[in-house]
Amino acid sequence: MTFNTSEYEKICSFIKENKEKIKKTPEIIAISKNQSKESVEQAINYGIRLFGENRVQEAIKKFTDLKKEHCDLKLHLTGPLQTNKVKQAIKIFDVFHTLDREKLAIEFSKHKADISEKKFFIQVNIGKEKQKIGIFPDYVESFVNYCLADLNLNVIGLMIIPPQYENPDEYFFQLYSLAKENNLEFLSMGMSSDYKKALLNGASHIRVGTLLFGER
């Protein structure tokens, strides 16, 4: 697969055309999971510096040398994380989008010196789906307070994956409201299929893979 520059430009154009509605310029995270290192290098050569990966080992293999070569690269973890891989994940990732349970939060808090510059999004199970991970909306406030006050984690926002086959607008709006209620500035929501709706509902970070790299 190759990096699709024209699709990236389309996203940028949509943001510019709707700047009055979007207000804040969002970060476009190029999701490179299951993509080759060569495809990532093409994106880097084009100027992309924000990437997302779902697995720790794949990220280490693909990005360890690249991050040494390009000190401005930022790597986002956008997939679930097991507690026994936290220490490894901290070494390669800069931002974590899937802080989804107390046990994981506690594990991160054990590495205070190593996470001082890391950023966290709390994953919300906005549709209360049994098959998905994440904090139910009713418990977001208490979990945010616990992570911030008790564990001193640098929680900057909320993240969701809306229910499949449903209009995501209402879920994006719910997340926007939850973030506002909890004084959180950033929203990680929107992927290849729904990033436009996410942006118009306040997304600060969109996670785009298929449009930029093709089907995996």
N, C-alpha and C. Protein backbone atom coordinates (compact mmCIF):
# COMPACT_ATOMS: atom_id res chain seq x y z
N MET A 1 0.83 -1.19 0.00
CA MET A 1 0.00 0.00 0.00
C MET A 1 0.88 1.25 0.00
N THR A 2 0.35 2.32 -0.59
CA THR A 2 1.06 3.59 -0.60
C THR A 2 0.21 4.65 0.12
N PHE A 3 0.87 5.67 0.58
CA PHE A 3 0.16 6.75 1.27
C PHE A 3 -0.59 7.60 0.25
N ASN A 4 -1.88 7.80 0.49
CA ASN A 4 -2.73 8.51 -0.46
C ASN A 4 -2.74 10.01 -0.16
N THR A 5 -1.89 10.74 -0.84
CA THR A 5 -1.76 12.17 -0.57
C THR A 5 -3.02 12.94 -0.96
N SER A 6 -3.70 12.50 -2.00
CA SER A 6 -4.90 13.23 -2.45
C SER A 6 -6.01 13.16 -1.40
N GLU A 7 -6.15 12.01 -0.75
CA GLU A 7 -7.17 11.89 0.31
C GLU A 7 -6.81 12.75 1.51
N TYR A 8 -5.53 12.82 1.81
CA TYR A 8 -5.10 13.67 2.92
C TYR A 8 -5.42 15.13 2.61
N GLU A 9 -5.19 15.53 1.37
CA GLU A 9 -5.49 16.90 0.96
C GLU A 9 -6.99 17.18 1.02
N LYS A 10 -7.81 16.17 0.71
CA LYS A 10 -9.26 16.33 0.79
C LYS A 10 -9.70 16.61 2.22
N ILE A 11 -9.08 15.89 3.17
CA ILE A 11 -9.40 16.11 4.58
C ILE A 11 -9.02 17.53 4.98
N CYS A 12 -7.82 17.93 4.59
CA CYS A 12 -7.35 19.29 4.91
C CYS A 12 -8.26 20.35 4.29
N SER A 13 -8.72 20.09 3.07
CA SER A 13 -9.60 21.04 2.39
C SER A 13 -10.94 21.14 3.10
N PHE A 14 -11.46 20.00 3.56
CA PHE A 14 -12.73 20.01 4.29
C PHE A 14 -12.61 20.84 5.57
N ILE A 15 -11.48 20.69 6.24
CA ILE A 15 -11.24 21.46 7.47
C ILE A 15 -11.20 22.95 7.17
N LYS A 16 -10.50 23.33 6.11
CA LYS A 16 -10.40 24.75 5.74
C LYS A 16 -11.75 25.32 5.32
N GLU A 17 -12.50 24.54 4.54
CA GLU A 17 -13.80 25.00 4.05
C GLU A 17 -14.81 25.17 5.18
N ASN A 18 -14.62 24.45 6.25
CA ASN A 18 -15.58 24.50 7.37
C ASN A 18 -14.95 25.08 8.63
N LYS A 19 -13.97 25.94 8.44
CA LYS A 19 -13.22 26.45 9.59
C LYS A 19 -14.09 27.22 10.58
N GLU A 20 -15.16 27.84 10.10
CA GLU A 20 -16.03 28.57 11.01
C GLU A 20 -16.83 27.63 11.90
N LYS A 21 -17.18 26.46 11.37
CA LYS A 21 -17.93 25.46 12.15
C LYS A 21 -17.00 24.63 13.03
N ILE A 22 -15.80 24.35 12.51
CA ILE A 22 -14.86 23.49 13.23
C ILE A 22 -14.11 24.29 14.30
N LYS A 23 -13.85 25.55 14.00
CA LYS A 23 -13.22 26.50 14.92
C LYS A 23 -11.76 26.16 15.22
N LYS A 24 -11.49 25.00 15.81
CA LYS A 24 -10.12 24.64 16.17
C LYS A 24 -9.55 23.65 15.14
N THR A 25 -8.35 23.93 14.64
CA THR A 25 -7.74 23.01 13.67
C THR A 25 -7.43 21.68 14.34
N PRO A 26 -8.02 20.60 13.85
CA PRO A 26 -7.83 19.29 14.49
C PRO A 26 -6.53 18.62 14.07
N GLU A 27 -6.14 17.62 14.82
CA GLU A 27 -4.99 16.81 14.47
C GLU A 27 -5.47 15.58 13.69
N ILE A 28 -4.82 15.33 12.57
CA ILE A 28 -5.16 14.17 11.74
C ILE A 28 -4.15 13.07 12.05
N ILE A 29 -4.61 11.99 12.65
CA ILE A 29 -3.73 10.88 13.02
C ILE A 29 -3.81 9.82 11.92
N ALA A 30 -2.70 9.56 11.27
CA ALA A 30 -2.65 8.56 10.21
C ALA A 30 -2.51 7.17 10.85
N ILE A 31 -3.57 6.38 10.77
CA ILE A 31 -3.57 5.06 11.40
C ILE A 31 -2.83 4.08 10.49
N SER A 32 -1.68 3.64 10.97
CA SER A 32 -0.79 2.84 10.13
C SER A 32 -0.72 1.37 10.56
N LYS A 33 -1.66 0.94 11.38
CA LYS A 33 -1.64 -0.46 11.82
C LYS A 33 -1.76 -1.38 10.60
N ASN A 34 -1.01 -2.45 10.65
CA ASN A 34 -0.98 -3.46 9.58
C ASN A 34 -0.45 -2.93 8.25
N GLN A 35 0.14 -1.74 8.28
CA GLN A 35 0.76 -1.19 7.08
C GLN A 35 2.28 -1.38 7.16
N SER A 36 2.92 -1.38 6.00
CA SER A 36 4.36 -1.60 5.96
C SER A 36 5.12 -0.36 6.42
N LYS A 37 6.34 -0.59 6.83
CA LYS A 37 7.21 0.52 7.21
C LYS A 37 7.45 1.43 6.02
N GLU A 38 7.48 0.86 4.82
CA GLU A 38 7.70 1.64 3.61
C GLU A 38 6.55 2.64 3.39
N SER A 39 5.33 2.20 3.67
CA SER A 39 4.18 3.09 3.52
C SER A 39 4.25 4.24 4.52
N VAL A 40 4.69 3.92 5.73
CA VAL A 40 4.86 4.95 6.75
C VAL A 40 5.92 5.94 6.32
N GLU A 41 7.02 5.44 5.76
CA GLU A 41 8.09 6.33 5.30
C GLU A 41 7.62 7.25 4.19
N GLN A 42 6.74 6.76 3.33
CA GLN A 42 6.17 7.62 2.29
C GLN A 42 5.39 8.77 2.93
N ALA A 43 4.60 8.42 3.96
CA ALA A 43 3.82 9.45 4.66
C ALA A 43 4.74 10.46 5.34
N ILE A 44 5.81 9.97 5.93
CA ILE A 44 6.77 10.86 6.60
C ILE A 44 7.41 11.80 5.59
N ASN A 45 7.78 11.26 4.45
CA ASN A 45 8.40 12.08 3.41
C ASN A 45 7.44 13.15 2.89
N TYR A 46 6.16 12.87 2.98
CA TYR A 46 5.14 13.83 2.57
C TYR A 46 4.96 14.93 3.62
N GLY A 47 5.35 14.62 4.85
CA GLY A 47 5.25 15.61 5.92
C GLY A 47 4.39 15.19 7.10
N ILE A 48 3.86 13.97 7.08
CA ILE A 48 3.03 13.49 8.17
C ILE A 48 3.90 13.18 9.39
N ARG A 49 3.43 13.61 10.56
CA ARG A 49 4.20 13.38 11.78
C ARG A 49 3.37 12.74 12.90
N LEU A 50 2.09 12.53 12.67
CA LEU A 50 1.24 11.90 13.68
C LEU A 50 0.74 10.56 13.15
N PHE A 51 1.06 9.49 13.86
CA PHE A 51 0.67 8.15 13.45
C PHE A 51 -0.02 7.42 14.59
N GLY A 52 -0.88 6.48 14.21
CA GLY A 52 -1.57 5.67 15.21
C GLY A 52 -1.36 4.19 14.97
N GLU A 53 -1.09 3.47 16.03
CA GLU A 53 -0.92 2.02 15.97
C GLU A 53 -1.79 1.36 17.04
N ASN A 54 -2.15 0.09 16.82
CA ASN A 54 -3.03 -0.62 17.75
C ASN A 54 -2.32 -1.65 18.60
N ARG A 55 -1.13 -2.06 18.17
CA ARG A 55 -0.42 -3.12 18.89
C ARG A 55 0.98 -2.66 19.27
N VAL A 56 1.35 -2.99 20.48
CA VAL A 56 2.63 -2.53 21.01
C VAL A 56 3.81 -3.10 20.23
N GLN A 57 3.81 -4.39 20.01
CA GLN A 57 4.95 -5.03 19.35
C GLN A 57 5.12 -4.54 17.92
N GLU A 58 4.02 -4.37 17.22
CA GLU A 58 4.09 -3.87 15.84
C GLU A 58 4.64 -2.45 15.83
N ALA A 59 4.20 -1.65 16.79
CA ALA A 59 4.67 -0.26 16.87
C ALA A 59 6.17 -0.19 17.15
N ILE A 60 6.64 -1.03 18.06
CA ILE A 60 8.07 -1.06 18.40
C ILE A 60 8.89 -1.43 17.18
N LYS A 61 8.45 -2.46 16.49
CA LYS A 61 9.18 -2.94 15.32
C LYS A 61 9.21 -1.89 14.21
N LYS A 62 8.11 -1.19 14.02
CA LYS A 62 7.97 -0.26 12.90
C LYS A 62 8.55 1.12 13.20
N PHE A 63 8.42 1.58 14.46
CA PHE A 63 8.69 2.99 14.74
C PHE A 63 9.94 3.27 15.59
N THR A 64 10.57 2.27 16.17
CA THR A 64 11.72 2.53 17.02
C THR A 64 12.80 3.31 16.29
N ASP A 65 13.19 2.83 15.14
CA ASP A 65 14.23 3.52 14.36
C ASP A 65 13.70 4.81 13.75
N LEU A 66 12.45 4.79 13.30
CA LEU A 66 11.87 5.99 12.67
C LEU A 66 11.81 7.16 13.64
N LYS A 67 11.49 6.87 14.91
CA LYS A 67 11.41 7.96 15.90
C LYS A 67 12.79 8.51 16.24
N LYS A 68 13.81 7.68 16.08
CA LYS A 68 15.19 8.17 16.28
C LYS A 68 15.61 9.06 15.12
N GLU A 69 15.16 8.70 13.93
CA GLU A 69 15.51 9.47 12.73
C GLU A 69 14.71 10.77 12.64
N HIS A 70 13.48 10.74 13.15
CA HIS A 70 12.59 11.91 13.05
C HIS A 70 12.09 12.22 14.46
N CYS A 71 12.77 13.12 15.13
CA CYS A 71 12.48 13.39 16.54
C CYS A 71 11.13 14.07 16.75
N ASP A 72 10.51 14.57 15.68
CA ASP A 72 9.21 15.23 15.82
C ASP A 72 8.03 14.29 15.57
N LEU A 73 8.29 13.00 15.35
CA LEU A 73 7.20 12.04 15.19
C LEU A 73 6.48 11.84 16.52
N LYS A 74 5.14 11.76 16.46
CA LYS A 74 4.34 11.46 17.64
C LYS A 74 3.51 10.21 17.33
N LEU A 75 3.57 9.25 18.25
CA LEU A 75 2.87 7.99 18.02
C LEU A 75 1.73 7.84 19.03
N HIS A 76 0.54 7.54 18.50
CA HIS A 76 -0.67 7.42 19.31
C HIS A 76 -1.08 5.95 19.38
N LEU A 77 -1.38 5.47 20.57
CA LEU A 77 -1.94 4.13 20.72
C LEU A 77 -3.46 4.25 20.61
N THR A 78 -4.03 3.59 19.60
CA THR A 78 -5.47 3.70 19.36
C THR A 78 -6.19 2.37 19.52
N GLY A 79 -5.49 1.38 20.06
CA GLY A 79 -6.11 0.08 20.30
C GLY A 79 -6.04 -0.28 21.77
N PRO A 80 -6.74 -1.35 22.17
CA PRO A 80 -6.75 -1.76 23.58
C PRO A 80 -5.36 -2.16 24.06
N LEU A 81 -5.13 -1.95 25.35
CA LEU A 81 -3.82 -2.22 25.93
C LEU A 81 -3.94 -3.13 27.14
N GLN A 82 -3.14 -4.21 27.15
CA GLN A 82 -3.09 -5.10 28.30
C GLN A 82 -2.17 -4.48 29.35
N THR A 83 -2.48 -4.70 30.61
CA THR A 83 -1.68 -4.09 31.67
C THR A 83 -0.24 -4.58 31.67
N ASN A 84 -0.01 -5.83 31.24
CA ASN A 84 1.36 -6.34 31.26
C ASN A 84 2.22 -5.77 30.13
N LYS A 85 1.62 -4.93 29.27
CA LYS A 85 2.39 -4.31 28.19
C LYS A 85 2.54 -2.80 28.37
N VAL A 86 2.10 -2.30 29.53
CA VAL A 86 2.16 -0.86 29.78
C VAL A 86 3.59 -0.34 29.73
N LYS A 87 4.51 -1.02 30.39
CA LYS A 87 5.90 -0.56 30.45
C LYS A 87 6.50 -0.44 29.06
N GLN A 88 6.24 -1.43 28.20
CA GLN A 88 6.74 -1.39 26.82
C GLN A 88 6.07 -0.27 26.04
N ALA A 89 4.76 -0.11 26.24
CA ALA A 89 4.00 0.89 25.49
C ALA A 89 4.49 2.30 25.79
N ILE A 90 4.81 2.55 27.05
CA ILE A 90 5.27 3.87 27.46
C ILE A 90 6.54 4.27 26.70
N LYS A 91 7.37 3.30 26.37
CA LYS A 91 8.64 3.59 25.70
C LYS A 91 8.47 4.08 24.26
N ILE A 92 7.37 3.67 23.60
CA ILE A 92 7.24 3.97 22.18
C ILE A 92 6.11 4.95 21.88
N PHE A 93 5.05 4.98 22.70
CA PHE A 93 3.88 5.83 22.43
C PHE A 93 3.95 7.14 23.20
N ASP A 94 3.40 8.18 22.59
CA ASP A 94 3.35 9.51 23.20
C ASP A 94 1.95 9.83 23.74
N VAL A 95 0.94 9.32 23.06
CA VAL A 95 -0.45 9.61 23.43
C VAL A 95 -1.23 8.30 23.46
N PHE A 96 -2.08 8.14 24.48
CA PHE A 96 -2.87 6.93 24.65
C PHE A 96 -4.35 7.28 24.56
N HIS A 97 -5.04 6.66 23.59
CA HIS A 97 -6.45 6.98 23.36
C HIS A 97 -7.40 6.00 24.03
N THR A 98 -6.90 4.96 24.65
CA THR A 98 -7.79 3.89 25.12
C THR A 98 -7.62 3.57 26.59
N LEU A 99 -7.58 4.60 27.41
CA LEU A 99 -7.58 4.39 28.86
C LEU A 99 -9.02 4.04 29.24
N ASP A 100 -9.25 2.77 29.54
CA ASP A 100 -10.63 2.28 29.58
C ASP A 100 -11.05 1.59 30.89
N ARG A 101 -10.13 1.54 31.88
CA ARG A 101 -10.50 0.86 33.11
C ARG A 101 -9.54 1.24 34.23
N GLU A 102 -10.01 1.04 35.46
CA GLU A 102 -9.24 1.43 36.64
C GLU A 102 -7.91 0.68 36.73
N LYS A 103 -7.94 -0.61 36.44
CA LYS A 103 -6.72 -1.43 36.55
C LYS A 103 -5.62 -0.90 35.63
N LEU A 104 -5.98 -0.48 34.44
CA LEU A 104 -5.00 0.06 33.50
C LEU A 104 -4.48 1.41 33.97
N ALA A 105 -5.37 2.24 34.49
CA ALA A 105 -4.97 3.55 35.00
C ALA A 105 -3.97 3.41 36.14
N ILE A 106 -4.23 2.47 37.04
CA ILE A 106 -3.34 2.23 38.17
C ILE A 106 -1.97 1.77 37.68
N GLU A 107 -1.96 0.93 36.66
CA GLU A 107 -0.69 0.42 36.12
C GLU A 107 0.13 1.57 35.53
N PHE A 108 -0.51 2.47 34.83
CA PHE A 108 0.20 3.64 34.30
C PHE A 108 0.78 4.48 35.44
N SER A 109 0.02 4.63 36.51
CA SER A 109 0.43 5.50 37.62
C SER A 109 1.67 4.97 38.34
N LYS A 110 2.01 3.72 38.13
CA LYS A 110 3.21 3.13 38.75
C LYS A 110 4.49 3.63 38.08
N HIS A 111 4.35 4.29 36.94
CA HIS A 111 5.52 4.73 36.17
C HIS A 111 5.52 6.26 36.05
N LYS A 112 5.43 6.92 37.18
CA LYS A 112 5.27 8.38 37.21
C LYS A 112 6.34 9.13 36.42
N ALA A 113 7.58 8.75 36.59
CA ALA A 113 8.67 9.46 35.91
C ALA A 113 8.59 9.29 34.40
N ASP A 114 8.16 8.12 33.97
CA ASP A 114 8.14 7.82 32.54
C ASP A 114 6.91 8.37 31.82
N ILE A 115 5.86 8.72 32.57
CA ILE A 115 4.63 9.20 31.92
C ILE A 115 4.42 10.70 32.11
N SER A 116 5.42 11.38 32.63
CA SER A 116 5.25 12.80 32.94
C SER A 116 4.87 13.63 31.71
N GLU A 117 5.30 13.20 30.53
CA GLU A 117 4.98 13.95 29.31
C GLU A 117 3.97 13.22 28.42
N LYS A 118 3.41 12.14 28.90
CA LYS A 118 2.43 11.40 28.12
C LYS A 118 1.04 12.02 28.28
N LYS A 119 0.19 11.80 27.26
CA LYS A 119 -1.18 12.32 27.30
C LYS A 119 -2.17 11.16 27.17
N PHE A 120 -3.31 11.33 27.81
CA PHE A 120 -4.30 10.25 27.86
C PHE A 120 -5.69 10.72 27.47
N PHE A 121 -6.37 9.89 26.68
CA PHE A 121 -7.80 10.03 26.43
C PHE A 121 -8.50 8.87 27.14
N ILE A 122 -9.60 9.15 27.78
CA ILE A 122 -10.41 8.11 28.38
C ILE A 122 -11.39 7.60 27.32
N GLN A 123 -11.39 6.29 27.09
CA GLN A 123 -12.31 5.72 26.11
C GLN A 123 -13.67 5.51 26.75
N VAL A 124 -14.68 6.05 26.09
CA VAL A 124 -16.06 5.97 26.59
C VAL A 124 -16.85 4.98 25.73
N ASN A 125 -17.52 4.06 26.38
CA ASN A 125 -18.42 3.14 25.68
C ASN A 125 -19.77 3.85 25.55
N ILE A 126 -19.84 4.73 24.58
CA ILE A 126 -20.95 5.67 24.47
C ILE A 126 -22.28 4.97 24.20
N GLY A 127 -22.24 3.82 23.53
CA GLY A 127 -23.46 3.08 23.24
C GLY A 127 -23.76 1.98 24.22
N LYS A 128 -22.94 1.88 25.27
CA LYS A 128 -23.09 0.83 26.30
C LYS A 128 -23.18 -0.56 25.66
N GLU A 129 -22.28 -0.80 24.71
CA GLU A 129 -22.27 -2.07 23.98
C GLU A 129 -21.47 -3.13 24.74
N LYS A 130 -22.03 -4.30 24.85
CA LYS A 130 -21.40 -5.38 25.63
C LYS A 130 -20.07 -5.81 25.03
N GLN A 131 -19.96 -5.75 23.70
CA GLN A 131 -18.75 -6.25 23.05
C GLN A 131 -17.63 -5.23 23.00
N LYS A 132 -17.88 -4.01 23.51
CA LYS A 132 -16.86 -2.97 23.43
C LYS A 132 -16.34 -2.60 24.81
N ILE A 133 -15.07 -2.17 24.82
CA ILE A 133 -14.46 -1.70 26.05
C ILE A 133 -14.81 -0.23 26.25
N GLY A 134 -14.51 0.29 27.42
CA GLY A 134 -14.71 1.70 27.67
C GLY A 134 -15.56 1.97 28.90
N ILE A 135 -15.45 3.18 29.40
CA ILE A 135 -16.21 3.62 30.56
C ILE A 135 -17.62 4.02 30.12
N PHE A 136 -18.63 3.52 30.81
CA PHE A 136 -20.00 3.93 30.49
C PHE A 136 -20.17 5.42 30.80
N PRO A 137 -20.99 6.12 30.01
CA PRO A 137 -21.16 7.57 30.20
C PRO A 137 -21.48 7.98 31.63
N ASP A 138 -22.28 7.19 32.34
CA ASP A 138 -22.67 7.53 33.71
C ASP A 138 -21.49 7.58 34.68
N TYR A 139 -20.40 6.91 34.33
CA TYR A 139 -19.25 6.82 35.24
C TYR A 139 -18.06 7.66 34.79
N VAL A 140 -18.24 8.42 33.71
CA VAL A 140 -17.12 9.21 33.18
C VAL A 140 -16.63 10.22 34.20
N GLU A 141 -17.52 10.95 34.83
CA GLU A 141 -17.11 11.99 35.77
C GLU A 141 -16.26 11.43 36.91
N SER A 142 -16.71 10.33 37.51
CA SER A 142 -15.96 9.76 38.64
C SER A 142 -14.63 9.20 38.18
N PHE A 143 -14.59 8.62 36.97
CA PHE A 143 -13.33 8.04 36.48
C PHE A 143 -12.35 9.14 36.11
N VAL A 144 -12.83 10.21 35.51
CA VAL A 144 -11.96 11.35 35.18
C VAL A 144 -11.35 11.91 36.46
N ASN A 145 -12.18 12.13 37.46
CA ASN A 145 -11.69 12.68 38.74
C ASN A 145 -10.68 11.74 39.40
N TYR A 146 -10.94 10.45 39.31
CA TYR A 146 -10.02 9.47 39.90
C TYR A 146 -8.66 9.52 39.20
N CYS A 147 -8.68 9.55 37.88
CA CYS A 147 -7.42 9.57 37.12
C CYS A 147 -6.64 10.86 37.36
N LEU A 148 -7.35 11.97 37.42
CA LEU A 148 -6.68 13.26 37.59
C LEU A 148 -6.22 13.49 39.03
N ALA A 149 -7.13 13.34 39.96
CA ALA A 149 -6.86 13.70 41.36
C ALA A 149 -6.10 12.64 42.12
N ASP A 150 -6.47 11.38 41.93
CA ASP A 150 -5.85 10.31 42.72
C ASP A 150 -4.59 9.73 42.07
N LEU A 151 -4.58 9.66 40.74
CA LEU A 151 -3.45 9.02 40.06
C LEU A 151 -2.55 10.01 39.34
N ASN A 152 -2.97 11.26 39.25
CA ASN A 152 -2.17 12.30 38.59
C ASN A 152 -1.81 11.96 37.14
N LEU A 153 -2.76 11.36 36.43
CA LEU A 153 -2.55 11.07 35.02
C LEU A 153 -2.96 12.30 34.21
N ASN A 154 -2.24 12.56 33.14
CA ASN A 154 -2.48 13.73 32.32
C ASN A 154 -3.61 13.44 31.31
N VAL A 155 -4.82 13.38 31.83
CA VAL A 155 -6.00 13.12 30.99
C VAL A 155 -6.39 14.42 30.29
N ILE A 156 -6.39 14.39 28.95
CA ILE A 156 -6.68 15.61 28.19
C ILE A 156 -8.03 15.57 27.49
N GLY A 157 -8.64 14.38 27.39
CA GLY A 157 -9.89 14.32 26.66
C GLY A 157 -10.56 12.96 26.69
N LEU A 158 -11.58 12.82 25.85
CA LEU A 158 -12.36 11.59 25.75
C LEU A 158 -12.30 11.04 24.33
N MET A 159 -12.48 9.73 24.22
CA MET A 159 -12.43 9.06 22.92
C MET A 159 -13.61 8.10 22.79
N ILE A 160 -14.15 7.98 21.57
CA ILE A 160 -15.19 6.98 21.32
C ILE A 160 -15.03 6.33 19.95
N ILE A 161 -15.63 5.13 19.86
CA ILE A 161 -15.93 4.48 18.59
C ILE A 161 -17.44 4.26 18.62
N PRO A 162 -18.21 5.03 17.84
CA PRO A 162 -19.66 4.93 17.93
C PRO A 162 -20.18 3.56 17.48
N PRO A 163 -21.39 3.20 17.88
CA PRO A 163 -21.98 1.93 17.43
C PRO A 163 -22.02 1.85 15.91
N GLN A 164 -21.66 0.70 15.40
CA GLN A 164 -21.64 0.50 13.94
C GLN A 164 -23.06 0.51 13.39
N TYR A 165 -23.20 0.98 12.18
CA TYR A 165 -24.47 1.00 11.45
C TYR A 165 -25.49 1.98 12.03
N GLU A 166 -25.06 2.84 12.93
CA GLU A 166 -25.96 3.87 13.44
C GLU A 166 -25.40 5.24 13.09
N ASN A 167 -26.28 6.23 13.00
CA ASN A 167 -25.84 7.59 12.73
C ASN A 167 -24.98 8.06 13.90
N PRO A 168 -23.73 8.40 13.65
CA PRO A 168 -22.83 8.74 14.76
C PRO A 168 -23.04 10.12 15.36
N ASP A 169 -23.84 10.96 14.68
CA ASP A 169 -23.99 12.35 15.12
C ASP A 169 -24.38 12.47 16.59
N GLU A 170 -25.40 11.71 17.00
CA GLU A 170 -25.87 11.84 18.38
C GLU A 170 -24.81 11.41 19.38
N TYR A 171 -23.99 10.43 19.01
CA TYR A 171 -22.94 9.95 19.91
C TYR A 171 -21.79 10.96 19.98
N PHE A 172 -21.47 11.56 18.85
CA PHE A 172 -20.45 12.60 18.85
C PHE A 172 -20.89 13.79 19.72
N PHE A 173 -22.15 14.16 19.60
CA PHE A 173 -22.66 15.26 20.41
C PHE A 173 -22.65 14.92 21.89
N GLN A 174 -23.00 13.67 22.21
CA GLN A 174 -22.97 13.22 23.61
C GLN A 174 -21.56 13.32 24.18
N LEU A 175 -20.58 12.93 23.38
CA LEU A 175 -19.20 12.98 23.86
C LEU A 175 -18.76 14.43 24.05
N TYR A 176 -19.14 15.27 23.13
CA TYR A 176 -18.83 16.70 23.25
C TYR A 176 -19.39 17.25 24.56
N SER A 177 -20.62 16.89 24.86
CA SER A 177 -21.27 17.35 26.10
C SER A 177 -20.57 16.80 27.33
N LEU A 178 -20.20 15.52 27.28
CA LEU A 178 -19.49 14.90 28.41
C LEU A 178 -18.16 15.58 28.67
N ALA A 179 -17.45 15.89 27.60
CA ALA A 179 -16.15 16.55 27.75
C ALA A 179 -16.31 17.93 28.37
N LYS A 180 -17.32 18.65 27.90
CA LYS A 180 -17.57 19.99 28.41
C LYS A 180 -17.92 19.95 29.90
N GLU A 181 -18.75 18.97 30.28
CA GLU A 181 -19.15 18.82 31.68
C GLU A 181 -17.96 18.52 32.59
N ASN A 182 -16.95 17.87 32.01
CA ASN A 182 -15.78 17.47 32.81
C ASN A 182 -14.55 18.33 32.55
N ASN A 183 -14.76 19.47 31.90
CA ASN A 183 -13.68 20.44 31.64
C ASN A 183 -12.50 19.82 30.89
N LEU A 184 -12.83 18.97 29.91
CA LEU A 184 -11.80 18.36 29.07
C LEU A 184 -11.86 18.99 27.69
N GLU A 185 -10.69 19.34 27.18
CA GLU A 185 -10.63 20.15 25.95
C GLU A 185 -10.69 19.34 24.67
N PHE A 186 -10.20 18.09 24.70
CA PHE A 186 -9.97 17.37 23.45
C PHE A 186 -10.90 16.17 23.28
N LEU A 187 -11.25 15.92 22.01
CA LEU A 187 -12.13 14.81 21.65
C LEU A 187 -11.51 14.00 20.53
N SER A 188 -11.25 12.73 20.80
CA SER A 188 -10.74 11.81 19.79
C SER A 188 -11.92 11.02 19.23
N MET A 189 -12.40 11.44 18.07
CA MET A 189 -13.56 10.75 17.48
C MET A 189 -13.59 11.03 15.99
N GLY A 190 -14.03 10.03 15.24
CA GLY A 190 -14.07 10.15 13.79
C GLY A 190 -12.98 9.34 13.13
N MET A 191 -13.40 8.52 12.16
CA MET A 191 -12.47 7.69 11.39
C MET A 191 -12.74 7.92 9.91
N SER A 192 -12.24 7.04 9.07
CA SER A 192 -12.34 7.25 7.62
C SER A 192 -13.78 7.45 7.16
N SER A 193 -14.71 6.72 7.74
CA SER A 193 -16.09 6.74 7.26
C SER A 193 -16.93 7.89 7.83
N ASP A 194 -16.49 8.48 8.95
CA ASP A 194 -17.36 9.47 9.59
C ASP A 194 -16.60 10.70 10.11
N TYR A 195 -15.40 10.92 9.62
CA TYR A 195 -14.58 12.02 10.16
C TYR A 195 -15.22 13.39 9.95
N LYS A 196 -15.97 13.56 8.84
CA LYS A 196 -16.59 14.85 8.58
C LYS A 196 -17.62 15.18 9.65
N LYS A 197 -18.45 14.21 9.99
CA LYS A 197 -19.46 14.42 11.03
C LYS A 197 -18.79 14.67 12.38
N ALA A 198 -17.71 13.94 12.63
CA ALA A 198 -16.98 14.11 13.89
C ALA A 198 -16.42 15.53 14.01
N LEU A 199 -15.83 16.00 12.93
CA LEU A 199 -15.24 17.35 12.93
C LEU A 199 -16.30 18.42 13.18
N LEU A 200 -17.46 18.25 12.58
CA LEU A 200 -18.53 19.23 12.74
C LEU A 200 -19.18 19.15 14.13
N ASN A 201 -18.86 18.08 14.86
CA ASN A 201 -19.37 17.92 16.22
C ASN A 201 -18.30 18.16 17.28
N GLY A 202 -17.16 18.74 16.87
CA GLY A 202 -16.17 19.15 17.85
C GLY A 202 -14.94 18.29 18.00
N ALA A 203 -14.70 17.35 17.10
CA ALA A 203 -13.51 16.50 17.20
C ALA A 203 -12.24 17.34 17.14
N SER A 204 -11.30 17.02 18.01
CA SER A 204 -9.98 17.67 17.97
C SER A 204 -8.93 16.74 17.38
N HIS A 205 -9.24 15.43 17.40
CA HIS A 205 -8.34 14.41 16.84
C HIS A 205 -9.19 13.42 16.04
N ILE A 206 -8.85 13.24 14.76
CA ILE A 206 -9.53 12.23 13.97
C ILE A 206 -8.52 11.13 13.63
N ARG A 207 -9.00 9.89 13.58
CA ARG A 207 -8.12 8.74 13.40
C ARG A 207 -8.44 8.11 12.03
N VAL A 208 -7.60 8.41 11.04
CA VAL A 208 -7.91 8.03 9.67
C VAL A 208 -6.88 7.04 9.14
N GLY A 209 -7.36 5.86 8.75
CA GLY A 209 -6.45 4.83 8.24
C GLY A 209 -6.75 4.43 6.82
N THR A 210 -7.95 3.86 6.60
CA THR A 210 -8.30 3.30 5.28
C THR A 210 -8.19 4.31 4.16
N LEU A 211 -8.66 5.52 4.38
CA LEU A 211 -8.60 6.55 3.33
C LEU A 211 -7.15 6.89 2.97
N LEU A 212 -6.28 6.86 3.95
CA LEU A 212 -4.90 7.28 3.70
C LEU A 212 -3.98 6.15 3.24
N PHE A 213 -4.27 4.93 3.68
CA PHE A 213 -3.38 3.81 3.34
C PHE A 213 -4.07 2.71 2.54
N GLY A 214 -5.38 2.75 2.40
CA GLY A 214 -6.11 1.70 1.71
C GLY A 214 -6.52 0.61 2.68
N GLU A 215 -7.26 -0.37 2.15
CA GLU A 215 -7.71 -1.49 2.99
C GLU A 215 -6.52 -2.30 3.46
N ARG A 216 -6.62 -2.83 4.70
CA ARG A 216 -5.51 -3.61 5.25
C ARG A 216 -5.65 -5.06 4.86
